[in-house]
């Protein structure tokens, strides 16, 4: 329930009190919320509870004695010293600010000893870890180089088969009138070699391009990770 709904309900619940008393009650609680500010409205409305219960408390406490008491957060209290809403709500605002300060997590100070321990650990493990990391990197590069060399060799072989097939086809066409039988064999074998060479060339060319694209994306991703970490750290 927001402020407008609460005040409308409170006005309706005070149907049987005089216009002067109703106007004084509504004026008090509106001023109370004005002094508290929009940021405190919901917490105050929750503290007040039901507008009908508040109206019942006002009705029973006032009972025609508007000049003999004062409005409070829980209704109307007769015989008390009157205070303006701003004075009454000052302590509440101070409590809210104190709770907000207590509830707000303080910025954590950098743990110097933690970073010192990490630095010392890195220095101790560096003679062992650095050679191991370098060895792993070299082995990975060597493995990638071997795979790349194999794919390139197979691509070259496929292209060579393609060229041999084309050469056999041309040779068969050239001997079709002098040696028809041999020309047919050369032409048929050349066609087979040409098709096989073209398929091998396309296959290993595709593998080479696909593998190169994957390696390129992986390298870019590895390079971007430290940048993203730094940005997150700065934003945090």
Protein backbone atom coordinates (compact mmCIF):
# COMPACT_ATOMS: atom_id res chain seq x y z
CA UNK A 1 0.00 0.00 0.00
CA UNK A 2 1.42 3.37 -0.99
CA UNK A 3 0.96 6.73 0.72
CA UNK A 4 -2.09 7.82 -1.28
CA UNK A 5 -3.90 4.53 -0.72
CA UNK A 6 -3.07 4.61 2.99
CA UNK A 7 -4.34 8.16 3.48
CA UNK A 8 -7.53 7.46 1.50
CA UNK A 9 -8.19 4.38 3.61
CA UNK A 10 -7.49 6.32 6.83
CA UNK A 11 -9.87 9.09 5.76
CA UNK A 12 -12.58 6.54 5.04
CA UNK A 13 -12.01 4.79 8.36
CA UNK A 14 -12.50 8.09 10.24
CA UNK A 15 -16.03 8.46 8.88
CA UNK A 16 -17.64 8.89 12.31
CA UNK A 17 -15.38 11.63 13.73
CA UNK A 18 -15.93 15.33 13.30
CA UNK A 19 -14.60 17.12 10.24
CA UNK A 20 -12.22 19.15 12.41
CA UNK A 21 -10.75 16.05 14.05
CA UNK A 22 -10.51 14.18 10.77
CA UNK A 23 -8.78 17.12 9.07
CA UNK A 24 -6.34 17.44 12.01
CA UNK A 25 -5.52 13.71 11.87
CA UNK A 26 -4.96 13.66 8.12
CA UNK A 27 -2.91 16.87 8.31
CA UNK A 28 -0.71 15.40 11.04
CA UNK A 29 0.06 12.14 9.22
CA UNK A 30 0.59 13.89 5.88
CA UNK A 31 3.03 16.32 7.54
CA UNK A 32 4.70 13.37 9.24
CA UNK A 33 5.35 11.68 5.88
CA UNK A 34 6.44 14.96 4.28
CA UNK A 35 9.04 15.52 7.00
CA UNK A 36 10.26 11.93 6.75
CA UNK A 37 10.87 12.16 3.02
CA UNK A 38 10.00 9.75 0.19
CA UNK A 39 12.84 7.40 1.07
CA UNK A 40 11.28 6.63 4.48
CA UNK A 41 7.59 6.49 3.49
CA UNK A 42 7.32 2.73 3.05
CA UNK A 43 9.10 1.90 6.30
CA UNK A 44 6.84 4.33 8.20
CA UNK A 45 3.69 2.94 6.59
CA UNK A 46 4.77 -0.57 7.55
CA UNK A 47 5.37 0.66 11.10
CA UNK A 48 1.92 2.23 11.27
CA UNK A 49 0.31 -0.99 10.08
CA UNK A 50 -3.33 -1.03 9.03
CA UNK A 51 -5.02 2.36 8.44
CA UNK A 52 -8.24 1.00 9.98
CA UNK A 53 -6.41 -0.04 13.15
CA UNK A 54 -4.75 3.39 13.31
CA UNK A 55 -8.16 5.05 12.83
CA UNK A 56 -9.61 3.01 15.69
CA UNK A 57 -6.73 4.09 17.94
CA UNK A 58 -7.26 7.73 16.96
CA UNK A 59 -11.00 7.47 17.58
CA UNK A 60 -10.68 5.84 21.01
CA UNK A 61 -7.89 8.17 22.15
CA UNK A 62 -9.38 11.39 20.91
CA UNK A 63 -13.03 11.01 21.87
CA UNK A 64 -13.72 14.72 21.40
CA UNK A 65 -10.56 15.84 23.24
CA UNK A 66 -8.61 17.21 20.29
CA UNK A 67 -7.15 20.11 22.32
CA UNK A 68 -6.08 17.92 25.25
CA UNK A 69 -3.56 15.66 23.57
CA UNK A 70 -1.51 14.96 20.48
CA UNK A 71 -1.34 12.59 17.56
CA UNK A 72 1.29 9.88 17.67
CA UNK A 73 2.52 7.11 15.41
CA UNK A 74 0.04 4.74 17.05
CA UNK A 75 -3.00 7.02 17.19
CA UNK A 76 -3.97 9.85 19.56
CA UNK A 77 -2.62 10.33 23.07
CA UNK A 78 -4.43 12.61 25.48
CA UNK A 79 -2.59 14.66 28.09
CA UNK A 80 0.84 14.65 26.41
CA UNK A 81 3.01 17.57 25.40
CA UNK A 82 2.46 18.41 21.78
CA UNK A 83 5.29 18.25 19.32
CA UNK A 84 5.42 19.04 15.67
CA UNK A 85 5.91 16.08 13.27
CA UNK A 86 9.39 17.25 12.30
CA UNK A 87 10.60 17.11 15.92
CA UNK A 88 9.02 13.74 16.55
CA UNK A 89 10.44 12.26 13.38
CA UNK A 90 13.99 13.53 13.88
CA UNK A 91 14.89 10.60 16.12
CA UNK A 92 13.34 8.16 13.66
CA UNK A 93 15.44 9.57 10.82
CA UNK A 94 18.57 9.31 12.92
CA UNK A 95 17.73 5.68 13.66
CA UNK A 96 17.19 4.98 9.97
CA UNK A 97 20.54 6.54 9.07
CA UNK A 98 22.33 4.61 11.82
CA UNK A 99 20.78 1.34 10.63
CA UNK A 100 21.72 2.14 7.05
CA UNK A 101 25.30 2.84 8.10
CA UNK A 102 25.43 -0.38 10.10
CA UNK A 103 23.84 -2.42 7.33
CA UNK A 104 26.07 -1.01 4.61
CA UNK A 105 29.12 -3.22 4.19
CA UNK A 106 32.30 -1.31 4.72
CA UNK A 107 34.80 -1.31 1.96
CA UNK A 108 37.17 -4.11 2.63
CA UNK A 109 40.72 -3.00 3.14
CA UNK A 110 43.28 -4.76 1.01
CA UNK A 111 44.70 -7.77 2.81
CA UNK A 112 48.38 -6.94 2.65
CA UNK A 113 49.52 -10.14 4.30
CA UNK A 114 47.52 -12.23 1.87
CA UNK A 115 49.26 -10.64 -1.12
CA UNK A 116 52.64 -10.94 0.58
CA UNK A 117 52.03 -14.65 1.15
CA UNK A 118 51.00 -15.12 -2.50
CA UNK A 119 54.10 -13.27 -3.68
CA UNK A 120 56.38 -15.39 -1.46
CA UNK A 121 54.69 -18.57 -2.67
CA UNK A 122 55.20 -17.52 -6.28
CA UNK A 123 58.88 -16.84 -5.60
CA UNK A 124 59.32 -20.23 -3.94
CA UNK A 125 57.53 -22.17 -6.68
CA UNK A 126 58.92 -20.16 -9.58
CA UNK A 127 62.06 -22.35 -10.11
CA UNK A 128 59.80 -25.41 -10.45
CA UNK A 129 56.68 -24.00 -12.06
CA UNK A 130 58.31 -21.83 -14.72
CA UNK A 131 60.27 -24.70 -16.40
CA UNK A 132 57.21 -26.96 -16.22
CA UNK A 133 54.98 -24.30 -17.80
CA UNK A 134 57.57 -23.58 -20.51
CA UNK A 135 57.89 -27.31 -21.25
CA UNK A 136 54.12 -27.71 -21.53
CA UNK A 137 53.88 -24.71 -23.84
CA UNK A 138 56.71 -26.00 -26.03
CA UNK A 139 55.11 -29.46 -26.24
CA UNK A 140 51.76 -27.94 -27.19
CA UNK A 141 53.37 -25.78 -29.86
CA UNK A 142 55.32 -28.78 -31.19
CA UNK A 143 52.18 -30.91 -31.29
CA UNK A 144 50.29 -28.19 -33.15
CA UNK A 145 53.20 -27.81 -35.55
CA UNK A 146 53.23 -31.57 -36.24
CA UNK A 147 49.49 -31.62 -36.86
CA UNK A 148 49.77 -28.58 -39.09
CA UNK A 149 52.66 -30.16 -41.04
CA UNK A 150 50.72 -33.40 -41.52
CA UNK A 151 47.64 -31.58 -42.78
CA UNK A 152 49.75 -29.45 -45.14
CA UNK A 153 51.55 -32.56 -46.41
CA UNK A 154 48.26 -34.34 -47.06
CA UNK A 155 46.93 -31.22 -48.76
CA UNK A 156 50.00 -31.14 -50.97
CA UNK A 157 49.61 -34.86 -51.71
CA UNK A 158 45.99 -34.36 -52.69
CA UNK A 159 46.93 -31.49 -54.96
CA UNK A 160 49.70 -33.61 -56.51
CA UNK A 161 47.24 -36.42 -57.17
CA UNK A 162 44.90 -33.88 -58.77
CA UNK A 163 47.68 -32.65 -61.06
CA UNK A 164 48.66 -36.23 -61.97
CA UNK A 165 45.07 -37.04 -62.79
CA UNK A 166 44.75 -33.98 -65.01
CA UNK A 167 48.03 -34.87 -66.73
CA UNK A 168 46.82 -38.44 -67.36
CA UNK A 169 43.54 -37.15 -68.79
CA UNK A 170 45.39 -34.80 -71.14
CA UNK A 171 47.78 -37.57 -72.15
CA UNK A 172 44.89 -39.94 -72.83
CA UNK A 173 43.16 -37.32 -74.96
CA UNK A 174 46.40 -36.82 -76.94
CA UNK A 175 46.76 -40.58 -77.73
CA UNK A 176 43.13 -41.25 -78.57
CA UNK A 177 43.93 -41.52 -82.29
CA UNK A 178 47.31 -43.28 -82.10
CA UNK A 179 46.58 -45.79 -79.32
CA UNK A 180 42.89 -45.87 -78.53
CA UNK A 181 43.09 -48.65 -75.91
CA UNK A 182 45.94 -47.03 -73.98
CA UNK A 183 44.28 -43.65 -74.31
CA UNK A 184 41.09 -45.02 -72.74
CA UNK A 185 43.02 -46.47 -69.81
CA UNK A 186 44.92 -43.22 -69.29
CA UNK A 187 41.76 -41.15 -69.61
CA UNK A 188 39.77 -43.31 -67.13
CA UNK A 189 42.62 -43.52 -64.64
CA UNK A 190 43.24 -39.81 -64.98
CA UNK A 191 39.60 -39.05 -64.22
CA UNK A 192 39.74 -41.22 -61.10
CA UNK A 193 42.94 -39.54 -59.94
CA UNK A 194 41.50 -36.11 -60.69
CA UNK A 195 38.36 -36.77 -58.62
CA UNK A 196 40.37 -38.31 -55.77
CA UNK A 197 42.88 -35.47 -55.80
CA UNK A 198 40.13 -32.84 -55.83
CA UNK A 199 38.37 -34.49 -52.87
CA UNK A 200 41.61 -34.77 -50.88
CA UNK A 201 42.52 -31.17 -51.67
CA UNK A 202 39.11 -29.89 -50.59
CA UNK A 203 39.06 -32.02 -47.42
CA UNK A 204 42.51 -31.12 -46.13
CA UNK A 205 42.14 -27.51 -47.26
CA UNK A 206 38.93 -27.29 -45.22
CA UNK A 207 40.68 -28.89 -42.22
CA UNK A 208 43.54 -26.43 -42.51
CA UNK A 209 41.23 -23.42 -42.66
CA UNK A 210 38.97 -24.72 -39.88
CA UNK A 211 41.89 -25.52 -37.60
CA UNK A 212 43.47 -22.14 -38.26
CA UNK A 213 40.22 -20.36 -37.42
CA UNK A 214 39.85 -22.34 -34.17
CA UNK A 215 43.42 -21.56 -33.14
CA UNK A 216 42.94 -17.88 -33.97
CA UNK A 217 39.74 -17.63 -31.89
CA UNK A 218 41.43 -19.44 -29.01
CA UNK A 219 44.39 -17.06 -29.08
CA UNK A 220 42.08 -14.02 -29.16
CA UNK A 221 40.05 -15.42 -26.25
CA UNK A 222 43.19 -15.99 -24.17
CA UNK A 223 44.34 -12.44 -24.86
CA UNK A 224 40.96 -10.95 -23.94
CA UNK A 225 40.57 -12.75 -20.60
CA UNK A 226 43.04 -10.57 -18.66
CA UNK A 227 41.42 -7.43 -20.10
CA UNK A 228 37.94 -8.55 -18.99
CA UNK A 229 39.25 -9.42 -15.52
CA UNK A 230 40.80 -5.99 -15.17
CA UNK A 231 37.55 -4.31 -16.27
CA UNK A 232 35.52 -6.34 -13.77
CA UNK A 233 37.99 -5.48 -11.04
CA UNK A 234 37.79 -1.77 -11.85
CA UNK A 235 34.00 -1.85 -11.95
CA UNK A 236 33.85 -3.72 -8.65
